[in-house]
Amino acid sequence: MTPPLTPTASASAAPLPGGVWRRRLPGLGLAAGLAVASYWLATLPGLKVVGPLTVALLIGIALRSAMGLPGTLTEGTRYSARTVLRLGIVLMGARLDFGLVAKVGPRVLLLALAVIVGGILGIRWVTKRFGVPEKLGTLLAVGTSICGASAVVAASSVTRAEEEDTTLAVGLCGILGTVGVLFYVFVGPLLGLSTAQLAILSGATLHEVAQVMAAAFTWGTSAGDLGTLVKLTRVVLLAPALVVLGFASGAGGKVRYSWKEPPIPWFVMGFLAVGVLGSVGVLPAAARAGLSTASVFLMVMAMAAMGLGTHVSLIRRAGMRVVYAGLAGFAGLALSAWGLMRLLSIQ
């Protein structure tokens, strides 16, 4: 007699797609809720300069330290920290406007290029001298030289950095950028620079767009607009920087490229494609604004998830050498930008 048919073990063990999403939803929901809270907290006077990305990261770390992370939230938070993050990077391309390069003028564009190239190479050298691990040093260099937390999270996926390294780099960029704002606002007028020069220096060296605006608008609307324009030029230059990082991270045969793992990751290609579509006018202004808003929200979700997955002991193990390296790198970047402004006769 033929025995009755029974499902095989592999078939019965295979999870249904709906089951996967049911396991992800609690963590995704928590990350989304923390993102909303971070937006609100980032409107407060003391936290406005830091921005929602860093606020979300700090909230996530605080919650993990206070309550731990239940197993029911693990899959959703991990999905937020990886897949949601990459989707946010793709949509961040809507913030790019390659026409800005033509607006800032050749000398300011040259300044931005020199800050990024010199900053990445110089800060990477500084972090090596302080004994900072290679990938963490690279993230600090990219975040300081280009656009803070956004650059860090984009570069972390390109360089295949660990989540704890990304967490440290994002937090440090937020702290150092805030210190930079206070320095420029209170000490900047004593440096003998014009308001336009102070605005350009802020836009060329501060980590986040919010930090540039907080500093530059204290010297007037025109200075604020100029500083923001210079900063956004650095944001545009994140695109080619990611392409170079994509190739450099696999140098020496360490990574074998394939259709699934190309030298330039797919999400970076999507980031560039959205930026090009917006720059040539295919995407209307309203669509670009909506995609830009969505990108920031998704990245704030990812930051909250990274914080939830971070043990405070990892930050303690990193030690003060990381803080000192980041501070030295930012100070060197500011001094170099000031010297370049004088060399290029930027008034």
Protein backbone atom coordinates (compact mmCIF):
# COMPACT_ATOMS: atom_id res chain seq x y z
CA MET A 1 0.00 0.00 0.00
CA THR A 2 1.33 3.39 -0.95
CA PRO A 3 1.90 5.58 2.12
CA PRO A 4 0.03 8.87 2.22
CA LEU A 5 1.86 11.87 0.88
CA THR A 6 3.30 14.14 3.55
CA PRO A 7 5.07 17.48 3.17
CA THR A 8 8.85 17.26 3.20
CA ALA A 9 10.75 18.87 6.02
CA SER A 10 12.24 21.49 3.71
CA ALA A 11 8.83 22.45 2.34
CA SER A 12 7.23 22.71 5.75
CA ALA A 13 10.14 24.74 7.08
CA ALA A 14 10.12 27.24 4.23
CA PRO A 15 8.69 30.51 5.57
CA LEU A 16 5.85 32.13 3.72
CA PRO A 17 6.43 35.69 2.51
CA GLY A 18 3.65 36.90 4.77
CA GLY A 19 5.38 35.29 7.73
CA VAL A 20 8.60 37.12 6.96
CA TRP A 21 6.82 40.47 6.96
CA ARG A 22 4.94 39.61 10.16
CA ARG A 23 8.30 39.11 11.83
CA ARG A 24 9.65 42.36 10.40
CA LEU A 25 6.69 44.61 11.16
CA PRO A 26 7.28 45.09 14.93
CA GLY A 27 10.86 46.27 14.38
CA LEU A 28 9.91 48.37 11.37
CA GLY A 29 7.08 49.96 13.33
CA LEU A 30 9.37 50.81 16.24
CA ALA A 31 11.97 52.32 13.90
CA ALA A 32 9.27 54.41 12.18
CA GLY A 33 7.90 55.58 15.51
CA LEU A 34 11.36 56.61 16.70
CA ALA A 35 11.88 58.45 13.40
CA VAL A 36 8.72 60.52 14.01
CA ALA A 37 9.84 61.27 17.56
CA SER A 38 13.29 62.26 16.30
CA TYR A 39 11.80 64.77 13.86
CA TRP A 40 9.90 66.41 16.70
CA LEU A 41 12.86 66.43 19.07
CA ALA A 42 15.10 67.88 16.36
CA THR A 43 12.91 71.00 16.29
CA LEU A 44 13.91 71.85 19.88
CA PRO A 45 16.50 74.63 20.23
CA GLY A 46 19.24 72.48 21.69
CA LEU A 47 18.86 69.70 19.13
CA LYS A 48 18.00 71.62 15.95
CA VAL A 49 21.65 71.92 14.95
CA VAL A 50 22.27 68.19 15.41
CA GLY A 51 19.43 67.10 13.12
CA PRO A 52 17.01 64.15 13.18
CA LEU A 53 19.54 61.57 11.93
CA THR A 54 21.81 61.94 14.95
CA VAL A 55 18.86 62.35 17.33
CA ALA A 56 17.37 59.06 16.08
CA LEU A 57 20.69 57.31 16.57
CA LEU A 58 21.02 58.58 20.14
CA ILE A 59 17.42 57.61 21.00
CA GLY A 60 18.01 54.13 19.67
CA ILE A 61 21.20 53.71 21.70
CA ALA A 62 19.46 55.00 24.85
CA LEU A 63 16.53 52.60 24.43
CA ARG A 64 18.84 49.65 23.81
CA SER A 65 20.85 50.53 26.92
CA ALA A 66 17.73 50.95 29.09
CA MET A 67 15.58 48.03 27.91
CA GLY A 68 17.60 45.82 25.60
CA LEU A 69 16.23 44.59 22.28
CA PRO A 70 13.60 41.81 22.38
CA GLY A 71 13.96 39.06 19.80
CA THR A 72 10.63 40.02 18.21
CA LEU A 73 12.16 43.34 17.11
CA THR A 74 15.48 42.02 15.82
CA GLU A 75 14.50 41.11 12.24
CA GLY A 76 12.62 44.35 11.58
CA THR A 77 15.34 46.60 12.99
CA ARG A 78 18.00 44.74 11.00
CA TYR A 79 15.90 45.19 7.85
CA SER A 80 15.57 48.91 8.61
CA ALA A 81 19.30 49.32 9.18
CA ARG A 82 20.16 47.70 5.84
CA THR A 83 17.45 47.57 3.19
CA VAL A 84 15.48 50.65 4.28
CA LEU A 85 18.77 52.55 4.53
CA ARG A 86 19.69 51.70 0.93
CA LEU A 87 16.27 52.71 -0.34
CA GLY A 88 16.70 56.03 1.46
CA ILE A 89 20.06 56.54 -0.26
CA VAL A 90 18.47 55.93 -3.68
CA LEU A 91 15.75 58.49 -3.01
CA MET A 92 18.35 60.93 -1.65
CA GLY A 93 19.36 61.42 -5.29
CA ALA A 94 16.36 63.76 -5.54
CA ARG A 95 18.36 66.26 -3.43
CA LEU A 96 21.07 66.47 -6.06
CA ASP A 97 21.11 69.33 -8.51
CA PHE A 98 24.09 69.13 -10.82
CA GLY A 99 23.19 72.62 -12.05
CA LEU A 100 24.52 73.94 -8.73
CA VAL A 101 28.03 73.29 -9.97
CA ALA A 102 27.53 75.99 -12.62
CA LYS A 103 26.07 78.45 -10.12
CA VAL A 104 28.81 78.55 -7.50
CA GLY A 105 31.61 79.64 -9.83
CA PRO A 106 34.89 77.91 -10.67
CA ARG A 107 36.86 79.06 -7.61
CA VAL A 108 34.25 77.93 -5.09
CA LEU A 109 33.80 74.66 -7.00
CA LEU A 110 37.57 74.13 -6.88
CA LEU A 111 37.47 74.84 -3.14
CA ALA A 112 34.74 72.23 -2.62
CA LEU A 113 36.62 69.64 -4.69
CA ALA A 114 39.88 70.31 -2.82
CA VAL A 115 38.13 70.08 0.56
CA ILE A 116 36.59 66.72 -0.32
CA VAL A 117 39.65 65.11 -1.89
CA GLY A 118 42.13 66.59 0.58
CA GLY A 119 39.79 65.97 3.49
CA ILE A 120 39.21 62.30 2.73
CA LEU A 121 42.90 61.60 2.20
CA GLY A 122 44.10 63.82 5.05
CA ILE A 123 41.59 62.70 7.67
CA ARG A 124 42.17 59.08 6.69
CA TRP A 125 45.89 59.67 7.36
CA VAL A 126 45.11 61.31 10.71
CA THR A 127 42.88 58.44 11.83
CA LYS A 128 45.64 55.95 11.00
CA ARG A 129 48.04 57.90 13.19
CA PHE A 130 45.53 57.68 16.07
CA GLY A 131 45.10 53.94 15.59
CA VAL A 132 41.47 54.14 14.41
CA PRO A 133 40.34 51.01 12.48
CA GLU A 134 40.48 51.40 8.70
CA LYS A 135 36.78 51.36 7.83
CA LEU A 136 35.80 53.58 10.76
CA GLY A 137 38.51 56.03 9.72
CA THR A 138 37.18 56.04 6.16
CA LEU A 139 33.64 56.78 7.37
CA LEU A 140 34.87 59.65 9.55
CA ALA A 141 36.84 61.05 6.62
CA VAL A 142 33.89 60.87 4.21
CA GLY A 143 31.37 62.24 6.72
CA THR A 144 33.61 65.16 7.72
CA SER A 145 34.63 66.02 4.17
CA ILE A 146 31.23 65.80 2.42
CA CYS A 147 27.91 65.87 4.24
CA GLY A 148 27.96 64.31 7.67
CA ALA A 149 25.57 61.52 8.59
CA SER A 150 24.14 61.14 5.08
CA ALA A 151 27.60 60.59 3.63
CA VAL A 152 28.53 58.20 6.43
CA VAL A 153 25.53 55.95 5.95
CA ALA A 154 25.96 55.96 2.17
CA ALA A 155 29.68 55.20 2.42
CA SER A 156 29.09 52.48 5.02
CA SER A 157 27.18 50.38 2.52
CA VAL A 158 29.72 51.00 -0.24
CA THR A 159 32.68 50.06 1.98
CA ARG A 160 30.81 47.21 3.71
CA ALA A 161 31.50 48.73 7.11
CA GLU A 162 30.11 47.26 10.31
CA GLU A 163 27.02 48.86 11.84
CA GLU A 164 28.89 49.83 15.02
CA ASP A 165 31.42 51.75 12.93
CA THR A 166 28.59 53.57 11.18
CA THR A 167 27.01 54.39 14.54
CA LEU A 168 30.23 55.85 15.91
CA ALA A 169 30.92 57.90 12.78
CA VAL A 170 27.39 59.35 12.62
CA GLY A 171 27.41 60.29 16.30
CA LEU A 172 30.83 61.89 16.07
CA CYS A 173 29.89 63.92 12.98
CA GLY A 174 26.88 65.28 14.85
CA ILE A 175 28.94 66.26 17.89
CA LEU A 176 31.88 67.76 15.98
CA GLY A 177 29.58 69.66 13.62
CA THR A 178 27.80 71.23 16.57
CA VAL A 179 31.16 72.27 18.06
CA GLY A 180 32.04 73.74 14.65
CA VAL A 181 28.85 75.82 14.55
CA LEU A 182 29.58 77.30 17.97
CA PHE A 183 33.17 78.06 16.96
CA TYR A 184 32.20 79.82 13.73
CA VAL A 185 29.40 81.83 15.33
CA PHE A 186 31.36 83.06 18.35
CA VAL A 187 34.98 83.03 17.13
CA GLY A 188 34.48 83.46 13.38
CA PRO A 189 33.88 87.24 13.47
CA LEU A 190 37.24 87.63 15.23
CA LEU A 191 39.17 86.00 12.38
CA GLY A 192 39.14 89.08 10.14
CA LEU A 193 36.96 87.44 7.47
CA SER A 194 34.05 89.05 5.64
CA THR A 195 30.56 87.65 6.18
CA ALA A 196 30.70 86.09 2.70
CA GLN A 197 34.00 84.38 3.54
CA LEU A 198 32.61 83.11 6.83
CA ALA A 199 29.56 81.74 5.01
CA ILE A 200 31.73 79.99 2.39
CA LEU A 201 34.02 78.58 5.10
CA SER A 202 30.99 77.23 6.99
CA GLY A 203 29.51 75.70 3.85
CA ALA A 204 32.85 74.16 2.88
CA THR A 205 33.65 72.53 6.23
CA LEU A 206 30.63 71.90 8.49
CA HIS A 207 29.18 68.41 8.43
CA GLU A 208 25.40 68.84 8.04
CA VAL A 209 23.23 71.18 5.97
CA ALA A 210 21.37 72.14 9.16
CA GLN A 211 24.67 73.06 10.81
CA VAL A 212 25.70 75.26 7.89
CA MET A 213 22.35 77.05 7.97
CA ALA A 214 22.54 77.51 11.74
CA ALA A 215 25.94 79.19 11.41
CA ALA A 216 25.67 81.11 8.12
CA PHE A 217 22.24 82.66 8.68
CA THR A 218 23.51 84.35 11.84
CA TRP A 219 25.40 86.72 9.50
CA GLY A 220 22.35 87.56 7.38
CA THR A 221 20.12 86.10 4.68
CA SER A 222 22.64 86.54 1.87
CA ALA A 223 25.36 84.83 3.89
CA GLY A 224 22.96 82.02 4.76
CA ASP A 225 22.00 81.45 1.13
CA LEU A 226 25.66 81.48 0.06
CA GLY A 227 26.74 79.04 2.76
CA THR A 228 23.88 76.69 1.93
CA LEU A 229 24.75 76.80 -1.78
CA VAL A 230 28.38 75.87 -1.08
CA LYS A 231 27.24 73.06 1.21
CA LEU A 232 24.83 71.67 -1.39
CA THR A 233 27.68 71.67 -3.90
CA ARG A 234 29.51 69.30 -1.54
CA VAL A 235 26.37 67.17 -1.36
CA VAL A 236 26.31 66.91 -5.16
CA LEU A 237 29.94 65.76 -5.09
CA LEU A 238 28.96 62.85 -2.84
CA ALA A 239 27.90 61.02 -5.99
CA PRO A 240 31.34 60.77 -7.66
CA ALA A 241 32.93 60.16 -4.26
CA LEU A 242 30.75 57.08 -3.76
CA VAL A 243 31.71 55.80 -7.21
CA VAL A 244 35.41 56.10 -6.35
CA LEU A 245 34.84 54.43 -2.97
CA GLY A 246 33.02 51.60 -4.71
CA PHE A 247 36.11 50.81 -6.75
CA ALA A 248 38.62 51.50 -3.98
CA SER A 249 36.87 49.25 -1.45
CA GLY A 250 37.58 46.25 -3.69
CA ALA A 251 41.15 47.18 -4.56
CA GLY A 252 43.82 44.54 -4.61
CA GLY A 253 41.50 41.70 -5.54
CA LYS A 254 39.85 41.61 -2.13
CA VAL A 255 36.40 41.70 -3.70
CA ARG A 256 35.30 39.75 -6.75
CA TYR A 257 32.75 41.71 -8.73
CA SER A 258 29.70 40.13 -10.29
CA TRP A 259 26.31 41.15 -11.64
CA LYS A 260 24.96 40.84 -8.10
CA GLU A 261 27.94 42.66 -6.52
CA PRO A 262 29.14 45.24 -9.09
CA PRO A 263 32.05 47.61 -8.31
CA ILE A 264 29.50 50.43 -7.96
CA PRO A 265 26.66 49.07 -5.77
CA TRP A 266 23.18 49.09 -7.29
CA PHE A 267 21.80 51.53 -4.73
CA VAL A 268 24.55 54.01 -5.67
CA MET A 269 23.56 53.66 -9.33
CA GLY A 270 19.97 54.33 -8.30
CA PHE A 271 21.13 57.36 -6.31
CA LEU A 272 22.91 58.72 -9.38
CA ALA A 273 20.00 57.92 -11.71
CA VAL A 274 17.48 59.78 -9.54
CA GLY A 275 19.89 62.73 -9.31
CA VAL A 276 20.29 62.89 -13.09
CA LEU A 277 16.53 62.65 -13.66
CA GLY A 278 15.96 65.52 -11.26
CA SER A 279 18.76 67.67 -12.67
CA VAL A 280 17.56 67.40 -16.30
CA GLY A 281 13.95 68.21 -15.38
CA VAL A 282 12.36 64.76 -15.84
CA LEU A 283 11.23 64.82 -12.21
CA PRO A 284 9.03 67.84 -11.42
CA ALA A 285 9.88 70.00 -8.42
CA ALA A 286 7.01 68.60 -6.35
CA ALA A 287 8.13 65.01 -6.98
CA ARG A 288 11.73 65.86 -6.08
CA ALA A 289 10.60 67.49 -2.85
CA GLY A 290 8.48 64.47 -1.94
CA LEU A 291 11.26 61.99 -2.71
CA SER A 292 13.76 64.07 -0.76
CA THR A 293 11.47 64.14 2.28
CA ALA A 294 10.89 60.39 2.00
CA SER A 295 14.63 59.73 1.74
CA VAL A 296 15.40 61.61 4.94
CA PHE A 297 12.60 59.81 6.81
CA LEU A 298 13.85 56.39 5.67
CA MET A 299 17.40 57.26 6.68
CA VAL A 300 16.21 58.49 10.08
CA MET A 301 14.42 55.13 10.49
CA ALA A 302 17.67 53.36 9.64
CA MET A 303 19.61 55.45 12.16
CA ALA A 304 17.11 54.59 14.90
CA ALA A 305 17.47 50.91 14.00
CA MET A 306 21.26 51.13 14.08
CA GLY A 307 21.05 52.71 17.51
CA LEU A 308 18.80 49.89 18.71
CA GLY A 309 21.40 47.41 17.54
CA THR A 310 24.31 49.16 19.25
CA HIS A 311 25.84 48.08 22.52
CA VAL A 312 27.23 50.96 24.56
CA SER A 313 30.24 48.74 25.31
CA LEU A 314 31.21 49.00 21.65
CA ILE A 315 31.43 52.79 21.96
CA ARG A 316 33.48 52.47 25.16
CA ARG A 317 35.85 50.02 23.46
CA ALA A 318 36.45 52.49 20.62
CA GLY A 319 38.01 54.85 23.16
CA MET A 320 38.74 58.56 23.14
CA ARG A 321 41.26 58.13 20.32
CA VAL A 322 38.34 58.15 17.86
CA VAL A 323 37.09 61.47 19.28
CA TYR A 324 40.57 62.99 19.18
CA ALA A 325 41.08 61.77 15.60
CA GLY A 326 37.75 63.24 14.49
CA LEU A 327 38.48 66.56 16.19
CA ALA A 328 41.98 66.77 14.70
CA GLY A 329 40.64 65.88 11.26
CA PHE A 330 37.93 68.55 11.38
CA ALA A 331 40.38 71.20 12.64
CA GLY A 332 42.79 70.32 9.84
CA LEU A 333 39.98 70.52 7.28
CA ALA A 334 38.92 73.98 8.50
CA LEU A 335 42.48 75.30 8.44
CA SER A 336 43.07 73.89 4.96
CA ALA A 337 39.85 75.44 3.65
CA TRP A 338 40.81 78.80 5.14
CA GLY A 339 44.23 78.61 3.47
CA LEU A 340 42.69 77.62 0.14
CA MET A 341 40.28 80.56 0.30
CA ARG A 342 43.23 82.91 0.67
CA LEU A 343 45.15 81.16 -2.11
CA LEU A 344 42.16 81.34 -4.48
CA SER A 345 41.40 84.95 -3.45
CA ILE A 346 37.81 84.11 -2.53
CA GLN A 347 36.30 87.29 -1.07
